Protein backbone atom coordinates (compact mmCIF):
# COMPACT_ATOMS: atom_id res chain seq x y z
CA MET A 1 -9.23 -5.67 -53.05
CA ASN A 2 -9.31 -9.45 -53.53
CA GLU A 3 -8.50 -12.20 -51.04
CA VAL A 4 -4.98 -12.75 -52.37
CA SER A 5 -3.92 -9.13 -51.82
CA ARG A 6 -5.25 -8.89 -48.25
CA ILE A 7 -2.74 -9.07 -45.41
CA CYS A 8 -3.35 -12.20 -43.33
CA VAL A 9 -2.92 -11.50 -39.60
CA GLY A 10 -2.39 -14.44 -37.24
CA ILE A 11 -3.72 -13.53 -33.79
CA ILE A 12 -2.24 -15.65 -30.97
CA PHE A 13 -4.09 -15.51 -27.66
CA GLY A 14 -4.73 -17.27 -24.34
CA GLY A 15 -1.48 -18.68 -23.00
CA GLN A 16 -0.18 -20.12 -19.75
CA SER A 17 0.13 -16.80 -17.90
CA ASN A 18 -2.06 -15.66 -15.03
CA GLU A 19 -3.62 -13.12 -17.43
CA HIS A 20 -5.17 -15.80 -19.67
CA ALA A 21 -8.75 -14.50 -19.53
CA ILE A 22 -7.67 -10.92 -20.24
CA SER A 23 -5.77 -12.11 -23.31
CA ILE A 24 -8.94 -13.69 -24.70
CA GLU A 25 -10.86 -10.43 -24.27
CA SER A 26 -8.03 -8.46 -25.90
CA ALA A 27 -8.00 -10.88 -28.85
CA LYS A 28 -11.75 -10.44 -29.33
CA THR A 29 -11.29 -6.68 -29.61
CA ILE A 30 -8.43 -6.97 -32.12
CA PHE A 31 -10.32 -9.57 -34.16
CA ALA A 32 -13.36 -7.27 -34.33
CA ALA A 33 -11.18 -4.28 -35.27
CA LEU A 34 -9.52 -6.19 -38.13
CA ASN A 35 -12.93 -7.29 -39.41
CA SER A 36 -14.46 -3.82 -39.22
CA LYS A 37 -15.81 -2.07 -42.30
CA LEU A 38 -12.62 0.01 -42.45
CA ASN A 39 -10.21 -2.94 -42.26
CA LYS A 40 -11.86 -6.03 -43.74
CA LYS A 41 -10.80 -5.08 -47.28
CA LYS A 42 -7.17 -4.77 -46.16
CA PHE A 43 -6.85 -7.64 -43.71
CA SER A 44 -7.91 -11.24 -43.26
CA THR A 45 -7.49 -13.03 -39.93
CA LYS A 46 -6.61 -16.40 -38.48
CA VAL A 47 -6.67 -17.00 -34.75
CA PHE A 48 -4.63 -19.46 -32.69
CA TYR A 49 -5.54 -20.28 -29.10
CA ILE A 50 -3.09 -21.58 -26.47
CA ASN A 51 -4.77 -23.10 -23.44
CA GLU A 52 -3.58 -22.80 -19.85
CA LYS A 53 -1.60 -26.05 -20.20
CA GLY A 54 0.32 -24.63 -23.14
CA ASN A 55 -1.43 -26.65 -25.86
CA TRP A 56 -1.99 -24.93 -29.22
CA PHE A 57 -5.19 -25.24 -31.26
CA ASP A 58 -5.71 -24.82 -34.98
CA SER A 59 -7.47 -21.79 -36.40
CA ASN A 60 -10.91 -23.38 -36.73
CA ASP A 61 -11.06 -24.59 -33.13
CA SER A 62 -9.48 -21.34 -31.92
CA LEU A 63 -12.18 -19.30 -33.66
CA GLN A 64 -14.87 -21.25 -31.80
CA ILE A 65 -13.14 -20.47 -28.49
CA LEU A 66 -12.74 -16.79 -29.36
CA LYS A 67 -16.46 -16.42 -30.06
CA LYS A 68 -17.52 -17.90 -26.72
CA ASN A 69 -18.13 -16.14 -23.45
CA THR A 70 -14.76 -16.03 -21.65
CA ASP A 71 -16.25 -17.27 -18.37
CA ASN A 72 -17.79 -20.34 -19.99
CA ILE A 73 -14.98 -21.67 -22.17
CA LYS A 74 -14.87 -25.46 -22.26
CA GLU A 75 -12.64 -27.23 -24.72
CA ASN A 76 -14.49 -29.60 -27.02
CA SER A 77 -13.30 -33.18 -26.57
CA SER A 78 -13.00 -33.43 -30.36
CA PHE A 79 -10.39 -30.64 -30.48
CA LYS A 80 -6.97 -31.96 -31.39
CA HIS A 81 -3.78 -30.64 -29.86
CA ILE A 82 -1.25 -29.90 -32.55
CA LYS A 83 2.51 -29.58 -32.72
CA ILE A 84 3.33 -25.96 -33.39
CA PHE A 85 4.53 -25.33 -36.95
CA GLU A 86 4.12 -29.00 -37.92
CA GLN A 87 0.37 -29.16 -38.44
CA ILE A 88 -0.72 -25.62 -37.63
CA ASP A 89 -2.20 -23.91 -40.69
CA CYS A 90 0.04 -20.85 -40.72
CA GLU A 91 1.65 -20.91 -44.17
CA ASP A 92 -0.53 -18.05 -45.42
CA ILE A 93 0.11 -15.84 -42.35
CA ASP A 94 1.75 -12.56 -43.39
CA ILE A 95 2.20 -11.14 -39.89
CA TRP A 96 1.67 -12.44 -36.37
CA PHE A 97 -0.21 -10.50 -33.70
CA PRO A 98 0.62 -12.05 -30.32
CA ILE A 99 -1.73 -10.71 -27.66
CA ILE A 100 -0.70 -12.90 -24.72
CA HIS A 101 -0.13 -10.79 -21.61
CA GLY A 102 2.45 -11.72 -19.00
CA ALA A 103 4.70 -14.77 -18.83
CA ASN A 104 5.45 -16.68 -22.05
CA GLY A 105 3.78 -14.02 -24.15
CA GLU A 106 5.14 -10.64 -23.14
CA ASP A 107 8.60 -11.62 -21.89
CA GLY A 108 10.36 -12.40 -25.17
CA SER A 109 9.53 -16.13 -25.26
CA MET A 110 6.79 -15.83 -27.87
CA GLN A 111 8.76 -13.24 -29.82
CA GLY A 112 11.72 -15.63 -30.04
CA LEU A 113 9.48 -18.44 -31.23
CA LEU A 114 7.86 -16.28 -33.90
CA LYS A 115 11.24 -15.21 -35.26
CA PHE A 116 11.76 -18.81 -36.38
CA THR A 117 8.73 -18.52 -38.67
CA GLN A 118 10.67 -15.84 -40.63
CA LYS A 119 7.56 -13.68 -40.64
CA PRO A 120 7.13 -10.30 -38.92
CA PHE A 121 5.16 -9.88 -35.71
CA VAL A 122 3.43 -6.97 -34.00
CA GLY A 123 5.13 -5.48 -30.96
CA SER A 124 8.59 -5.16 -29.48
CA GLY A 125 11.31 -7.67 -30.27
CA ILE A 126 12.89 -10.24 -27.96
CA LEU A 127 15.12 -7.80 -26.07
CA GLY A 128 12.52 -5.05 -25.57
CA SER A 129 9.90 -7.57 -24.49
CA ALA A 130 12.23 -9.23 -21.97
CA LEU A 131 13.42 -5.93 -20.50
CA GLY A 132 9.90 -4.51 -20.34
CA MET A 133 8.62 -7.55 -18.45
CA ASP A 134 11.40 -7.72 -15.87
CA LYS A 135 10.84 -5.06 -13.21
CA ILE A 136 14.32 -5.47 -11.71
CA ILE A 137 16.31 -4.98 -14.92
CA MET A 138 13.97 -2.17 -15.97
CA LYS A 139 14.56 -0.28 -12.73
CA LEU A 140 18.33 -0.74 -12.89
CA ILE A 141 18.46 0.69 -16.41
CA PHE A 142 16.22 3.61 -15.46
CA SER A 143 18.41 4.31 -12.43
CA HIS A 144 21.50 4.41 -14.65
CA LEU A 145 19.76 6.93 -16.92
CA LYS A 146 18.48 8.94 -13.93
CA ILE A 147 14.84 8.47 -14.95
CA PRO A 148 12.84 9.27 -11.77
CA GLN A 149 11.47 6.27 -9.85
CA VAL A 150 10.23 5.59 -6.34
CA ASN A 151 12.80 4.14 -3.91
CA PHE A 152 13.16 0.39 -4.30
CA TYR A 153 14.95 -2.68 -2.97
CA ILE A 154 15.87 -5.75 -5.05
CA ILE A 155 15.70 -9.37 -3.89
CA GLN A 156 17.34 -12.00 -6.11
CA ASN A 157 19.65 -14.99 -5.73
CA LYS A 158 18.21 -15.56 -2.25
CA ASN A 159 16.29 -18.60 -1.04
CA LEU A 160 13.21 -17.31 0.75
CA ASP A 161 12.36 -20.83 1.91
CA ASP A 162 15.24 -20.30 4.33
CA ASN A 163 13.96 -18.56 7.48
CA ASN A 164 17.35 -17.04 8.20
CA ASN A 165 17.38 -15.38 4.75
CA LEU A 166 13.85 -14.13 5.31
CA LYS A 167 14.84 -12.47 8.60
CA ILE A 168 17.89 -10.79 7.06
CA ILE A 169 15.85 -9.50 4.10
CA CYS A 170 13.06 -8.20 6.34
CA ASP A 171 15.61 -6.30 8.42
CA GLN A 172 17.22 -4.79 5.30
CA ILE A 173 13.85 -3.69 3.92
CA MET A 174 13.05 -1.96 7.23
CA LYS A 175 16.38 -0.09 7.16
CA LYS A 176 16.18 1.04 3.52
CA LEU A 177 12.52 1.88 2.89
CA ASN A 178 9.60 3.63 4.56
CA PHE A 179 6.06 2.27 4.88
CA PRO A 180 3.80 1.68 3.12
CA LEU A 181 5.57 -0.82 0.88
CA PHE A 182 4.57 -2.62 -2.29
CA ILE A 183 6.14 -6.06 -2.66
CA LYS A 184 6.02 -7.42 -6.21
CA PRO A 185 7.17 -10.40 -8.27
CA ALA A 186 9.73 -9.12 -10.80
CA ASN A 187 7.87 -10.81 -13.67
CA SER A 188 4.11 -10.61 -13.41
CA GLY A 189 1.30 -8.43 -14.68
CA SER A 190 -2.12 -7.07 -13.75
CA SER A 191 -0.97 -6.61 -10.12
CA ILE A 192 -1.02 -10.39 -9.59
CA GLY A 193 1.18 -11.42 -6.66
CA ILE A 194 1.55 -7.85 -5.39
CA SER A 195 0.88 -6.89 -1.77
CA LYS A 196 0.60 -3.56 -0.01
CA VAL A 197 2.32 -3.70 3.39
CA ILE A 198 1.68 -1.06 6.06
CA ASN A 199 3.79 -2.43 8.93
CA GLN A 200 6.58 -4.89 9.75
CA SER A 201 4.24 -7.79 10.50
CA GLY A 202 2.98 -7.85 6.90
CA ILE A 203 6.36 -8.14 5.19
CA LEU A 204 6.85 -11.89 5.63
CA ARG A 205 3.50 -12.92 4.14
CA ALA A 206 3.92 -10.49 1.23
CA LEU A 207 7.38 -11.86 0.42
CA GLN A 208 6.04 -15.42 0.44
CA LYS A 209 3.16 -14.42 -1.86
CA ALA A 210 5.53 -12.82 -4.39
CA TRP A 211 8.00 -15.73 -4.05
CA SER A 212 5.24 -18.19 -5.05
CA ILE A 213 5.10 -16.46 -8.46
CA ASP A 214 8.70 -15.37 -9.05
CA HIS A 215 11.95 -15.96 -7.16
CA ARG A 216 13.07 -12.45 -8.08
CA ILE A 217 11.23 -9.74 -6.13
CA ILE A 218 11.11 -5.95 -6.08
CA VAL A 219 10.07 -3.92 -3.02
CA GLU A 220 8.96 -0.34 -3.58
CA GLU A 221 8.24 2.56 -1.27
CA GLY A 222 4.60 3.61 -1.47
CA LEU A 223 3.60 7.24 -1.91
CA GLU A 224 0.33 9.17 -2.01
CA VAL A 225 -0.07 9.34 -5.77
CA LYS A 226 -2.27 9.65 -8.81
CA GLU A 227 -1.93 6.86 -11.42
CA LEU A 228 -1.22 8.30 -14.87
CA GLU A 229 -0.82 6.38 -18.11
CA VAL A 230 0.25 7.18 -21.67
CA GLY A 231 0.21 5.11 -24.86
CA ILE A 232 3.19 4.82 -27.21
CA ILE A 233 3.17 3.77 -30.86
CA GLY A 234 5.79 3.95 -33.59
CA LYS A 235 8.97 2.33 -34.80
CA GLU A 236 12.04 4.56 -35.13
CA ASN A 237 10.05 7.66 -34.20
CA LEU A 238 7.85 7.01 -31.18
CA ILE A 239 4.63 8.98 -30.64
CA ALA A 240 2.95 9.53 -27.27
CA SER A 241 -0.82 9.65 -26.81
CA GLU A 242 -2.83 11.93 -24.58
CA VAL A 243 -2.14 11.35 -20.88
CA GLY A 244 -4.90 9.67 -18.88
CA GLU A 245 -5.61 9.13 -15.20
CA VAL A 246 -7.14 6.07 -13.55
CA ASN A 247 -9.29 7.08 -10.60
CA TYR A 248 -10.07 4.03 -8.47
CA THR A 249 -12.02 3.68 -5.24
CA SER A 250 -9.96 0.84 -3.71
CA ASP A 251 -7.00 1.39 -1.42
CA TRP A 252 -4.60 0.75 -4.33
CA TYR A 253 -4.74 -0.30 -7.98
CA ASP A 254 -4.85 -4.09 -7.48
CA TYR A 255 -6.22 -6.83 -9.76
CA ASP A 256 -9.83 -6.49 -8.60
CA SER A 257 -9.82 -2.72 -9.03
CA LYS A 258 -8.38 -3.12 -12.54
CA TYR A 259 -10.85 -5.70 -13.81
CA LYS A 260 -13.78 -6.16 -11.44
CA THR A 261 -14.81 -2.62 -10.55
CA ASN A 262 -15.93 0.39 -12.53
CA ASN A 263 -12.97 2.72 -12.31
CA LYS A 264 -13.25 6.25 -13.55
CA THR A 265 -10.83 7.05 -16.34
CA ILE A 266 -10.08 10.71 -16.91
CA ILE A 267 -8.76 11.42 -20.41
CA PRO A 268 -7.13 13.86 -20.74
CA ALA A 269 -5.76 13.82 -17.20
CA GLU A 270 -6.42 16.98 -15.22
CA ILE A 271 -2.79 18.10 -14.99
CA ASN A 272 -0.96 21.10 -16.41
CA THR A 273 0.65 21.19 -19.85
CA ASN A 274 4.22 21.12 -18.52
CA LEU A 275 3.55 17.91 -16.58
CA LYS A 276 1.93 16.31 -19.62
CA GLU A 277 4.91 17.12 -21.80
CA LYS A 278 7.32 15.81 -19.17
CA ILE A 279 5.37 12.54 -18.95
CA LYS A 280 5.33 12.13 -22.73
CA THR A 281 9.07 12.84 -22.96
CA LEU A 282 9.89 10.37 -20.15
CA SER A 283 7.65 7.70 -21.69
CA ILE A 284 9.49 7.88 -25.01
CA GLN A 285 12.88 8.02 -23.26
CA GLY A 286 11.98 4.95 -21.19
CA CYS A 287 10.82 2.95 -24.21
CA LYS A 288 13.94 3.79 -26.19
CA ALA A 289 16.15 2.82 -23.26
CA LEU A 290 14.60 -0.65 -23.20
CA ASN A 291 14.38 -1.08 -27.00
CA ILE A 292 10.56 -1.06 -26.84
CA ASN A 293 8.58 0.03 -29.90
CA ILE A 294 5.47 -0.56 -32.09
CA PHE A 295 3.07 -0.22 -29.14
CA ALA A 296 3.25 -0.01 -25.36
CA ARG A 297 1.64 1.63 -22.35
CA VAL A 298 3.81 3.55 -19.90
CA ASP A 299 2.57 3.99 -16.32
CA PHE A 300 3.52 6.86 -14.02
CA PHE A 301 2.96 8.02 -10.46
CA LEU A 302 2.24 11.69 -9.79
CA GLU A 303 2.94 12.37 -6.11
CA LYS A 304 0.20 14.41 -4.51
CA GLY A 305 1.44 17.53 -2.83
CA THR A 306 4.80 17.71 -4.62
CA ASN A 307 3.71 17.05 -8.24
CA LYS A 308 6.83 14.91 -8.67
CA ILE A 309 6.64 12.42 -11.54
CA TYR A 310 7.92 8.83 -11.18
CA LEU A 311 8.01 6.28 -14.00
CA ASN A 312 6.44 3.08 -12.65
CA GLU A 313 6.66 0.53 -15.47
CA ILE A 314 6.22 -0.14 -19.18
CA ASN A 315 3.79 -2.73 -20.55
CA THR A 316 4.83 -4.04 -23.98
CA ILE A 317 1.52 -5.85 -24.58
CA PRO A 318 -1.03 -3.74 -22.69
CA GLY A 319 -4.67 -4.74 -22.34
CA PHE A 320 -6.58 -4.29 -25.59
CA THR A 321 -10.15 -4.80 -24.43
CA THR A 322 -12.81 -2.22 -25.22
CA ASN A 323 -12.41 -0.87 -21.66
CA SER A 324 -8.60 -0.97 -21.57
CA MET A 325 -6.66 2.23 -21.08
CA PHE A 326 -4.38 1.82 -24.12
CA PRO A 327 -7.09 1.99 -26.83
CA LEU A 328 -9.01 4.63 -24.84
CA LEU A 329 -5.92 6.86 -24.72
CA TRP A 330 -5.52 6.64 -28.48
CA GLN A 331 -9.22 7.17 -29.08
CA SER A 332 -8.89 10.42 -27.14
CA SER A 333 -5.86 11.25 -29.30
CA GLY A 334 -7.86 10.83 -32.51
CA LEU A 335 -7.35 7.16 -33.42
CA GLU A 336 -10.37 4.85 -33.25
CA ILE A 337 -9.56 1.27 -32.35
CA ASP A 338 -9.74 -0.11 -35.91
CA GLU A 339 -7.40 2.67 -37.10
CA LEU A 340 -5.07 2.01 -34.16
CA VAL A 341 -4.82 -1.73 -34.87
CA ALA A 342 -4.17 -1.10 -38.58
CA LYS A 343 -1.49 1.48 -37.79
CA ILE A 344 0.52 -0.73 -35.42
CA ILE A 345 0.38 -3.57 -37.97
CA GLU A 346 1.70 -1.20 -40.63
CA TYR A 347 4.56 -0.16 -38.31
CA SER A 348 5.43 -3.83 -37.83
CA LEU A 349 5.45 -4.52 -41.57
């Protein structure tokens, strides 16, 4: 296959979100998968880096950044910031692969921008991305469809800089939910901005922490649970992967336990067949309800003692590093990472 007939994939990575470093690692994995022996005859790649200030870089400078150690990235003073779509060398891109996690990448913003290029992109569209990112809207839709969730309380259209509002909200949380509580920004990823609260004295600080990231907040009742995850791929017909379990040693699955410790992943999860099928069915139902397709990871709680299943959230651009759950789930289901990347690009085309 010659150069002309190869599909040119434009990988966009980095971004202004608080998951910047993870995005770089995910992009490295996808870049390597597209340049594997299996894929290099079918695909060519261009990469485009967005720094934490929101500046875009051309493909040559972006490739230098991608090949560096994530912890030691320093922008060369000779790099030139460019105006997106004016000077960026993207005319030969056949399909975009945005791999920016969190705000401005996973929430529909990037998807809306890429629509103006009149070229396809990998992942859910504007609506599915926005709904998948917003925990409040997601939970309201799931409640309407009677998809099982833990008890929750919504905070929006309230000024938490006002002490009187804070007192009223704290009182309402105490009346409606039982401890422990998890207080979360409505739009954030990788457990950033989330606090576990075990008594009344911790509520105020947790609300202020979440408020610093997002002025819309969700409060959830904590249960004694196992964390289960399943991968979804497909377009009209969605397919669920094997179910996996994340076994962590920390008190709860926070940022450090996700990225700085060696968690034990159990794939397939040690649960019975009926529970697995229920989780797969709920994962597909949840994705369809939010107009999510192409690829996603759906996270569940399995309550210890009762074996009740609760859908926690859906990630429309899950981590794609070599240690991330999404590619590991599909590897266990028979798709190696280079096959997985090729397949989700084919769905998008």
